[in-house]
């Protein structure tokens, strides 16, 4: 008989979130751990390695031929400006910066005097940023990104006739998880296909057994299933738009909490 996610529902005592530990003390994961007396640990399953100047030159991209730069993370900001330093490039004062959030735009001050620059900031996610980009169609955009990235921004720029280039400034690779070889968690929570791939790279003989797997997003869910595993928890859900919310619903049910 083929086992289903419903058959596998057992009490949850521990969860491994395959991301960096949150710095915010009000993190929903920390609240979840306290509320249900569940151990929640954090461990990134992937890491980002910067592209050096020599490798970048092979892309034949002239950074200063662009008038605007799109940043979607602080990692991208770091790797971009470190690369510029290696290439001995200085950003002109008229360069425009489009950032996905306040957190990212504020981080720019590590490298530039932001009060003297033209910076445009989304409220919290890609949709907000795309709305801002619509008002600046005449710019020549550069999108510094990883070799593994979401399609939303490049697809939007292509479909709407923007002039832009993607610049690969870092590689996403599997982190070394050898110290977890004999560590067991009731739930592993994944956020990208790369995270699932890292599990397989580190533990090619991994057997799911009673470990529940959670996935955020359709591509992550697909990666879990394509590797022959049962997907126990899928997010986002209509009543749980975040991974923390989906975990809470599952833990309530599995632990028989009213």
C-alpha atoms as a PDB file:
ATOM      1  CA  UNK A   1       0.000   0.000   0.000  1.00  0.00           C
ATOM      2  CA  UNK A   2       1.285   3.463  -0.919  1.00  0.00           C
ATOM      3  CA  UNK A   3       1.707   5.667   2.149  1.00  0.00           C
ATOM      4  CA  UNK A   4       0.077   9.112   1.987  1.00  0.00           C
ATOM      5  CA  UNK A   5       0.744  12.336   3.880  1.00  0.00           C
ATOM      6  CA  UNK A   6      -2.361  11.657   5.977  1.00  0.00           C
ATOM      7  CA  UNK A   7      -1.075   8.196   6.970  1.00  0.00           C
ATOM      8  CA  UNK A   8       2.215   9.790   8.059  1.00  0.00           C
ATOM      9  CA  UNK A   9       0.740  12.349  10.445  1.00  0.00           C
ATOM     10  CA  UNK A  10       2.517  11.832  13.758  1.00  0.00           C
ATOM     11  CA  UNK A  11       3.332  14.070  16.695  1.00  0.00           C
ATOM     12  CA  UNK A  12       5.875  16.793  15.926  1.00  0.00           C
ATOM     13  CA  UNK A  13       8.633  17.548  18.417  1.00  0.00           C
ATOM     14  CA  UNK A  14      11.329  19.061  16.173  1.00  0.00           C
ATOM     15  CA  UNK A  15      11.583  21.095  12.968  1.00  0.00           C
ATOM     16  CA  UNK A  16      14.609  22.075  10.879  1.00  0.00           C
ATOM     17  CA  UNK A  17      14.079  25.248   8.835  1.00  0.00           C
ATOM     18  CA  UNK A  18      16.613  25.217   5.989  1.00  0.00           C
ATOM     19  CA  UNK A  19      17.341  28.949   6.207  1.00  0.00           C
ATOM     20  CA  UNK A  20      19.398  31.348   8.321  1.00  0.00           C
ATOM     21  CA  UNK A  21      18.133  31.850  11.863  1.00  0.00           C
ATOM     22  CA  UNK A  22      15.942  34.966  12.085  1.00  0.00           C
ATOM     23  CA  UNK A  23      17.407  38.020  13.791  1.00  0.00           C
ATOM     24  CA  UNK A  24      13.933  39.297  14.675  1.00  0.00           C
ATOM     25  CA  UNK A  25      12.858  38.177  18.161  1.00  0.00           C
ATOM     26  CA  UNK A  26       9.260  38.418  16.933  1.00  0.00           C
ATOM     27  CA  UNK A  27       9.869  35.832  14.220  1.00  0.00           C
ATOM     28  CA  UNK A  28       6.797  33.641  13.660  1.00  0.00           C
ATOM     29  CA  UNK A  29       9.048  30.580  13.914  1.00  0.00           C
ATOM     30  CA  UNK A  30      10.201  31.535  17.402  1.00  0.00           C
ATOM     31  CA  UNK A  31       6.618  32.217  18.435  1.00  0.00           C
ATOM     32  CA  UNK A  32       5.599  28.853  16.989  1.00  0.00           C
ATOM     33  CA  UNK A  33       8.296  27.041  18.968  1.00  0.00           C
ATOM     34  CA  UNK A  34       7.217  28.703  22.206  1.00  0.00           C
ATOM     35  CA  UNK A  35       3.490  28.306  21.609  1.00  0.00           C
ATOM     36  CA  UNK A  36       3.581  24.555  20.909  1.00  0.00           C
ATOM     37  CA  UNK A  37       6.731  23.610  22.830  1.00  0.00           C
ATOM     38  CA  UNK A  38       8.402  22.397  19.636  1.00  0.00           C
ATOM     39  CA  UNK A  39      12.146  22.572  18.983  1.00  0.00           C
ATOM     40  CA  UNK A  40      12.842  24.637  15.841  1.00  0.00           C
ATOM     41  CA  UNK A  41      16.398  24.839  14.534  1.00  0.00           C
ATOM     42  CA  UNK A  42      17.740  26.761  11.538  1.00  0.00           C
ATOM     43  CA  UNK A  43      20.416  25.715   9.057  1.00  0.00           C
ATOM     44  CA  UNK A  44      20.957  27.054   5.519  1.00  0.00           C
ATOM     45  CA  UNK A  45      21.173  24.172   3.054  1.00  0.00           C
ATOM     46  CA  UNK A  46      22.623  26.376   0.323  1.00  0.00           C
ATOM     47  CA  UNK A  47      25.347  29.001   0.239  1.00  0.00           C
ATOM     48  CA  UNK A  48      26.236  31.737  -2.190  1.00  0.00           C
ATOM     49  CA  UNK A  49      29.732  32.055  -3.660  1.00  0.00           C
ATOM     50  CA  UNK A  50      30.714  35.313  -5.394  1.00  0.00           C
ATOM     51  CA  UNK A  51      31.860  35.464  -9.007  1.00  0.00           C
ATOM     52  CA  UNK A  52      35.341  36.933  -9.400  1.00  0.00           C
ATOM     53  CA  UNK A  53      36.382  39.582 -11.912  1.00  0.00           C
ATOM     54  CA  UNK A  54      38.048  37.086 -14.263  1.00  0.00           C
ATOM     55  CA  UNK A  55      34.926  34.927 -14.509  1.00  0.00           C
ATOM     56  CA  UNK A  56      32.638  37.949 -14.760  1.00  0.00           C
ATOM     57  CA  UNK A  57      34.525  39.362 -17.756  1.00  0.00           C
ATOM     58  CA  UNK A  58      33.534  36.252 -19.754  1.00  0.00           C
ATOM     59  CA  UNK A  59      29.941  37.502 -19.657  1.00  0.00           C
ATOM     60  CA  UNK A  60      31.018  40.553 -21.711  1.00  0.00           C
ATOM     61  CA  UNK A  61      28.785  42.912 -19.755  1.00  0.00           C
ATOM     62  CA  UNK A  62      29.804  46.559 -19.405  1.00  0.00           C
ATOM     63  CA  UNK A  63      28.370  47.650 -16.072  1.00  0.00           C
ATOM     64  CA  UNK A  64      28.780  51.379 -16.732  1.00  0.00           C
ATOM     65  CA  UNK A  65      26.768  51.136 -19.949  1.00  0.00           C
ATOM     66  CA  UNK A  66      23.665  50.865 -17.767  1.00  0.00           C
ATOM     67  CA  UNK A  67      21.717  53.654 -16.093  1.00  0.00           C
ATOM     68  CA  UNK A  68      19.948  51.664 -13.380  1.00  0.00           C
ATOM     69  CA  UNK A  69      20.605  48.614 -11.211  1.00  0.00           C
ATOM     70  CA  UNK A  70      18.045  46.254  -9.670  1.00  0.00           C
ATOM     71  CA  UNK A  71      18.857  44.765  -6.257  1.00  0.00           C
ATOM     72  CA  UNK A  72      16.720  42.039  -4.670  1.00  0.00           C
ATOM     73  CA  UNK A  73      18.888  41.178  -1.654  1.00  0.00           C
ATOM     74  CA  UNK A  74      21.714  42.397   0.539  1.00  0.00           C
ATOM     75  CA  UNK A  75      23.828  39.535  -0.811  1.00  0.00           C
ATOM     76  CA  UNK A  76      23.432  40.991  -4.288  1.00  0.00           C
ATOM     77  CA  UNK A  77      24.489  44.427  -3.026  1.00  0.00           C
ATOM     78  CA  UNK A  78      27.617  43.004  -1.368  1.00  0.00           C
ATOM     79  CA  UNK A  79      28.704  40.874  -4.297  1.00  0.00           C
ATOM     80  CA  UNK A  80      28.019  43.608  -6.846  1.00  0.00           C
ATOM     81  CA  UNK A  81      30.085  46.301  -5.153  1.00  0.00           C
ATOM     82  CA  UNK A  82      32.894  43.886  -4.253  1.00  0.00           C
ATOM     83  CA  UNK A  83      32.994  42.889  -7.924  1.00  0.00           C
ATOM     84  CA  UNK A  84      33.077  46.557  -8.967  1.00  0.00           C
ATOM     85  CA  UNK A  85      36.023  47.071  -6.645  1.00  0.00           C
ATOM     86  CA  UNK A  86      37.847  44.170  -8.292  1.00  0.00           C
ATOM     87  CA  UNK A  87      37.047  45.627 -11.716  1.00  0.00           C
ATOM     88  CA  UNK A  88      38.190  49.085 -10.504  1.00  0.00           C
ATOM     89  CA  UNK A  89      34.812  50.612 -11.349  1.00  0.00           C
ATOM     90  CA  UNK A  90      33.180  53.491  -9.518  1.00  0.00           C
ATOM     91  CA  UNK A  91      29.447  54.027  -9.786  1.00  0.00           C
ATOM     92  CA  UNK A  92      28.595  57.451 -11.281  1.00  0.00           C
ATOM     93  CA  UNK A  93      26.418  59.775  -9.135  1.00  0.00           C
ATOM     94  CA  UNK A  94      23.590  59.625 -11.692  1.00  0.00           C
ATOM     95  CA  UNK A  95      23.250  55.819 -11.461  1.00  0.00           C
ATOM     96  CA  UNK A  96      19.759  54.823 -10.270  1.00  0.00           C
ATOM     97  CA  UNK A  97      19.086  51.965  -7.861  1.00  0.00           C
ATOM     98  CA  UNK A  98      15.860  49.951  -7.658  1.00  0.00           C
ATOM     99  CA  UNK A  99      15.577  47.896  -4.474  1.00  0.00           C
ATOM    100  CA  UNK A 100      13.042  45.277  -3.446  1.00  0.00           C
ATOM    101  CA  UNK A 101      12.673  46.615   0.126  1.00  0.00           C
ATOM    102  CA  UNK A 102      13.756  49.266   2.612  1.00  0.00           C
ATOM    103  CA  UNK A 103      16.109  46.739   4.160  1.00  0.00           C
ATOM    104  CA  UNK A 104      17.952  46.357   0.861  1.00  0.00           C
ATOM    105  CA  UNK A 105      17.987  50.064  -0.018  1.00  0.00           C
ATOM    106  CA  UNK A 106      19.242  51.043   3.446  1.00  0.00           C
ATOM    107  CA  UNK A 107      22.017  48.481   3.068  1.00  0.00           C
ATOM    108  CA  UNK A 108      23.348  50.440   0.077  1.00  0.00           C
ATOM    109  CA  UNK A 109      24.821  52.992   2.473  1.00  0.00           C
ATOM    110  CA  UNK A 110      27.558  50.453   3.187  1.00  0.00           C
ATOM    111  CA  UNK A 111      28.904  51.320  -0.273  1.00  0.00           C
ATOM    112  CA  UNK A 112      27.446  54.666  -1.389  1.00  0.00           C
ATOM    113  CA  UNK A 113      26.174  57.921   0.136  1.00  0.00           C
ATOM    114  CA  UNK A 114      22.483  57.176  -0.339  1.00  0.00           C
ATOM    115  CA  UNK A 115      21.191  60.708   0.319  1.00  0.00           C
ATOM    116  CA  UNK A 116      22.958  61.847  -2.839  1.00  0.00           C
ATOM    117  CA  UNK A 117      21.665  59.023  -5.060  1.00  0.00           C
ATOM    118  CA  UNK A 118      18.423  58.207  -6.848  1.00  0.00           C
ATOM    119  CA  UNK A 119      16.994  55.193  -5.037  1.00  0.00           C
ATOM    120  CA  UNK A 120      13.577  53.645  -5.656  1.00  0.00           C
ATOM    121  CA  UNK A 121      12.248  51.137  -3.152  1.00  0.00           C
ATOM    122  CA  UNK A 122       9.454  48.552  -3.166  1.00  0.00           C
ATOM    123  CA  UNK A 123       7.371  48.027  -0.062  1.00  0.00           C
ATOM    124  CA  UNK A 124       8.113  44.367   0.590  1.00  0.00           C
ATOM    125  CA  UNK A 125       8.108  42.072  -2.433  1.00  0.00           C
ATOM    126  CA  UNK A 126       8.725  41.721  -6.168  1.00  0.00           C
ATOM    127  CA  UNK A 127       5.210  42.843  -7.159  1.00  0.00           C
ATOM    128  CA  UNK A 128       5.792  46.239  -5.535  1.00  0.00           C
ATOM    129  CA  UNK A 129       9.138  46.579  -7.286  1.00  0.00           C
ATOM    130  CA  UNK A 130       7.638  45.748 -10.686  1.00  0.00           C
ATOM    131  CA  UNK A 131       5.059  48.506 -10.258  1.00  0.00           C
ATOM    132  CA  UNK A 132       7.894  50.990  -9.719  1.00  0.00           C
ATOM    133  CA  UNK A 133       9.846  49.689 -12.723  1.00  0.00           C
ATOM    134  CA  UNK A 134       6.841  50.371 -14.979  1.00  0.00           C
ATOM    135  CA  UNK A 135       7.403  54.100 -14.447  1.00  0.00           C
ATOM    136  CA  UNK A 136      11.032  53.959 -15.619  1.00  0.00           C
ATOM    137  CA  UNK A 137      10.863  52.134 -18.918  1.00  0.00           C
ATOM    138  CA  UNK A 138      13.540  54.271 -20.595  1.00  0.00           C
ATOM    139  CA  UNK A 139      16.353  53.159 -18.303  1.00  0.00           C
ATOM    140  CA  UNK A 140      19.039  50.642 -19.276  1.00  0.00           C
ATOM    141  CA  UNK A 141      18.733  48.142 -16.440  1.00  0.00           C
ATOM    142  CA  UNK A 142      21.316  45.784 -15.003  1.00  0.00           C
ATOM    143  CA  UNK A 143      19.999  42.921 -12.887  1.00  0.00           C
ATOM    144  CA  UNK A 144      22.811  41.391 -10.746  1.00  0.00           C
ATOM    145  CA  UNK A 145      21.685  37.913  -9.709  1.00  0.00           C
ATOM    146  CA  UNK A 146      22.672  34.356  -8.908  1.00  0.00           C
ATOM    147  CA  UNK A 147      22.987  31.577 -11.471  1.00  0.00           C
ATOM    148  CA  UNK A 148      19.828  30.178  -9.847  1.00  0.00           C
ATOM    149  CA  UNK A 149      17.109  32.790  -9.574  1.00  0.00           C
ATOM    150  CA  UNK A 150      13.371  33.285  -9.956  1.00  0.00           C
ATOM    151  CA  UNK A 151      12.018  34.215 -13.369  1.00  0.00           C
ATOM    152  CA  UNK A 152       9.640  36.973 -12.295  1.00  0.00           C
ATOM    153  CA  UNK A 153      11.873  40.008 -12.843  1.00  0.00           C
ATOM    154  CA  UNK A 154      13.582  38.902 -16.116  1.00  0.00           C
ATOM    155  CA  UNK A 155      10.223  37.731 -17.530  1.00  0.00           C
ATOM    156  CA  UNK A 156       8.585  41.049 -16.653  1.00  0.00           C
ATOM    157  CA  UNK A 157      11.403  43.040 -18.255  1.00  0.00           C
ATOM    158  CA  UNK A 158      11.300  40.931 -21.448  1.00  0.00           C
ATOM    159  CA  UNK A 159       7.518  40.964 -21.787  1.00  0.00           C
ATOM    160  CA  UNK A 160       7.352  44.728 -21.369  1.00  0.00           C
ATOM    161  CA  UNK A 161      10.170  45.611 -23.765  1.00  0.00           C
ATOM    162  CA  UNK A 162      12.718  46.919 -21.252  1.00  0.00           C
ATOM    163  CA  UNK A 163      16.379  47.279 -22.168  1.00  0.00           C
ATOM    164  CA  UNK A 164      18.264  45.146 -19.641  1.00  0.00           C
ATOM    165  CA  UNK A 165      21.046  42.654 -18.971  1.00  0.00           C
ATOM    166  CA  UNK A 166      21.366  39.977 -16.340  1.00  0.00           C
ATOM    167  CA  UNK A 167      24.741  39.809 -14.642  1.00  0.00           C
ATOM    168  CA  UNK A 168      25.598  36.574 -12.847  1.00  0.00           C
ATOM    169  CA  UNK A 169      27.512  37.763  -9.785  1.00  0.00           C
ATOM    170  CA  UNK A 170      27.273  34.670  -7.590  1.00  0.00           C
ATOM    171  CA  UNK A 171      26.722  30.920  -7.693  1.00  0.00           C
ATOM    172  CA  UNK A 172      24.299  29.019  -5.485  1.00  0.00           C
ATOM    173  CA  UNK A 173      25.882  25.795  -4.213  1.00  0.00           C
ATOM    174  CA  UNK A 174      25.080  23.099  -1.675  1.00  0.00           C
ATOM    175  CA  UNK A 175      26.305  23.826   1.846  1.00  0.00           C
ATOM    176  CA  UNK A 176      28.365  21.255   3.754  1.00  0.00           C
ATOM    177  CA  UNK A 177      25.871  19.451   6.012  1.00  0.00           C
ATOM    178  CA  UNK A 178      28.108  16.572   7.097  1.00  0.00           C
ATOM    179  CA  UNK A 179      27.602  17.416  10.774  1.00  0.00           C
ATOM    180  CA  UNK A 180      23.883  16.630  10.399  1.00  0.00           C
ATOM    181  CA  UNK A 181      24.514  13.047   9.294  1.00  0.00           C
ATOM    182  CA  UNK A 182      23.187  11.496  12.492  1.00  0.00           C
ATOM    183  CA  UNK A 183      20.780  14.256  13.510  1.00  0.00           C
ATOM    184  CA  UNK A 184      17.052  13.589  13.206  1.00  0.00           C
ATOM    185  CA  UNK A 185      14.153  16.052  12.830  1.00  0.00           C
ATOM    186  CA  UNK A 186      10.445  15.341  12.544  1.00  0.00           C
ATOM    187  CA  UNK A 187      10.072  17.991   9.814  1.00  0.00           C
ATOM    188  CA  UNK A 188      12.479  19.455   7.248  1.00  0.00           C
ATOM    189  CA  UNK A 189      11.204  22.726   5.744  1.00  0.00           C
ATOM    190  CA  UNK A 190      12.500  23.651   2.269  1.00  0.00           C
ATOM    191  CA  UNK A 191      12.201  26.939   0.371  1.00  0.00           C
ATOM    192  CA  UNK A 192      13.811  26.221  -2.994  1.00  0.00           C
ATOM    193  CA  UNK A 193      14.695  23.334  -5.304  1.00  0.00           C
ATOM    194  CA  UNK A 194      18.344  24.133  -4.493  1.00  0.00           C
ATOM    195  CA  UNK A 195      17.699  23.257  -0.854  1.00  0.00           C
ATOM    196  CA  UNK A 196      16.246  19.890  -1.836  1.00  0.00           C
ATOM    197  CA  UNK A 197      19.210  19.306  -4.148  1.00  0.00           C
ATOM    198  CA  UNK A 198      21.582  20.077  -1.279  1.00  0.00           C
ATOM    199  CA  UNK A 199      19.942  17.354   0.791  1.00  0.00           C
ATOM    200  CA  UNK A 200      20.608  14.860  -2.003  1.00  0.00           C
ATOM    201  CA  UNK A 201      24.186  16.084  -2.608  1.00  0.00           C
ATOM    202  CA  UNK A 202      25.037  15.733   1.088  1.00  0.00           C
ATOM    203  CA  UNK A 203      23.023  12.578   1.759  1.00  0.00           C
ATOM    204  CA  UNK A 204      22.542  10.644  -1.506  1.00  0.00           C
ATOM    205  CA  UNK A 205      21.206   7.646   0.448  1.00  0.00           C
ATOM    206  CA  UNK A 206      18.693   9.707   2.442  1.00  0.00           C
ATOM    207  CA  UNK A 207      15.580   7.722   3.362  1.00  0.00           C
ATOM    208  CA  UNK A 208      12.533   9.756   4.257  1.00  0.00           C
ATOM    209  CA  UNK A 209      10.975   7.169   6.590  1.00  0.00           C
ATOM    210  CA  UNK A 210       8.903   9.130   9.121  1.00  0.00           C
ATOM    211  CA  UNK A 211      10.539  12.510   8.422  1.00  0.00           C
ATOM    212  CA  UNK A 212       7.915  14.926   7.166  1.00  0.00           C
ATOM    213  CA  UNK A 213       8.940  17.248   4.321  1.00  0.00           C
ATOM    214  CA  UNK A 214       7.543  20.767   3.891  1.00  0.00           C
ATOM    215  CA  UNK A 215       7.966  22.859   0.744  1.00  0.00           C
ATOM    216  CA  UNK A 216       7.324  26.514   0.012  1.00  0.00           C
ATOM    217  CA  UNK A 217       6.322  27.211  -3.590  1.00  0.00           C
ATOM    218  CA  UNK A 218       5.386  25.011  -6.527  1.00  0.00           C
ATOM    219  CA  UNK A 219       8.950  24.552  -7.815  1.00  0.00           C
ATOM    220  CA  UNK A 220      10.151  23.385  -4.391  1.00  0.00           C
ATOM    221  CA  UNK A 221       7.185  21.029  -4.053  1.00  0.00           C
ATOM    222  CA  UNK A 222       7.980  19.623  -7.495  1.00  0.00           C
ATOM    223  CA  UNK A 223      11.624  19.024  -6.507  1.00  0.00           C
ATOM    224  CA  UNK A 224      10.543  17.092  -3.412  1.00  0.00           C
ATOM    225  CA  UNK A 225       8.252  14.834  -5.457  1.00  0.00           C
ATOM    226  CA  UNK A 226      10.734  14.367  -8.320  1.00  0.00           C
ATOM    227  CA  UNK A 227      13.245  12.975  -5.837  1.00  0.00           C
ATOM    228  CA  UNK A 228      10.716  10.318  -4.894  1.00  0.00           C
ATOM    229  CA  UNK A 229       9.672  11.770  -1.549  1.00  0.00           C
ATOM    230  CA  UNK A 230       6.231  12.315  -0.052  1.00  0.00           C
ATOM    231  CA  UNK A 231       5.322  15.983   0.340  1.00  0.00           C
ATOM    232  CA  UNK A 232       3.634  16.270   3.729  1.00  0.00           C
ATOM    233  CA  UNK A 233       3.260  20.049   4.048  1.00  0.00           C
ATOM    234  CA  UNK A 234       2.830  22.480   1.194  1.00  0.00           C
ATOM    235  CA  UNK A 235       2.884  26.277   1.419  1.00  0.00           C
ATOM    236  CA  UNK A 236       1.555  28.778   0.729  1.00  0.00           C
ATOM    237  CA  UNK A 237      -2.026  27.789   1.534  1.00  0.00           C
ATOM    238  CA  UNK A 238      -5.143  29.990   1.295  1.00  0.00           C
ATOM    239  CA  UNK A 239      -5.372  30.032   5.088  1.00  0.00           C
ATOM    240  CA  UNK A 240      -1.599  29.994   5.654  1.00  0.00           C
ATOM    241  CA  UNK A 241       0.378  32.178   3.200  1.00  0.00           C
ATOM    242  CA  UNK A 242       3.709  31.571   4.956  1.00  0.00           C
ATOM    243  CA  UNK A 243       5.754  28.492   5.816  1.00  0.00           C
ATOM    244  CA  UNK A 244       5.380  29.276   9.520  1.00  0.00           C
ATOM    245  CA  UNK A 245       1.596  29.382   9.078  1.00  0.00           C
ATOM    246  CA  UNK A 246       1.519  26.062   7.215  1.00  0.00           C
ATOM    247  CA  UNK A 247       3.694  24.463   9.907  1.00  0.00           C
ATOM    248  CA  UNK A 248       1.374  25.760  12.614  1.00  0.00           C
ATOM    249  CA  UNK A 249      -1.677  24.206  10.954  1.00  0.00           C
ATOM    250  CA  UNK A 250       0.133  20.881  10.594  1.00  0.00           C
ATOM    251  CA  UNK A 251       1.473  20.835  14.152  1.00  0.00           C
ATOM    252  CA  UNK A 252      -1.959  21.627  15.573  1.00  0.00           C
ATOM    253  CA  UNK A 253      -3.437  18.688  13.730  1.00  0.00           C
ATOM    254  CA  UNK A 254      -0.555  16.255  14.262  1.00  0.00           C
ATOM    255  CA  UNK A 255      -0.221  17.072  17.964  1.00  0.00           C
ATOM    256  CA  UNK A 256      -3.980  17.117  18.450  1.00  0.00           C
ATOM    257  CA  UNK A 257      -4.052  20.693  19.719  1.00  0.00           C
ATOM    258  CA  UNK A 258      -7.428  22.410  19.772  1.00  0.00           C
END
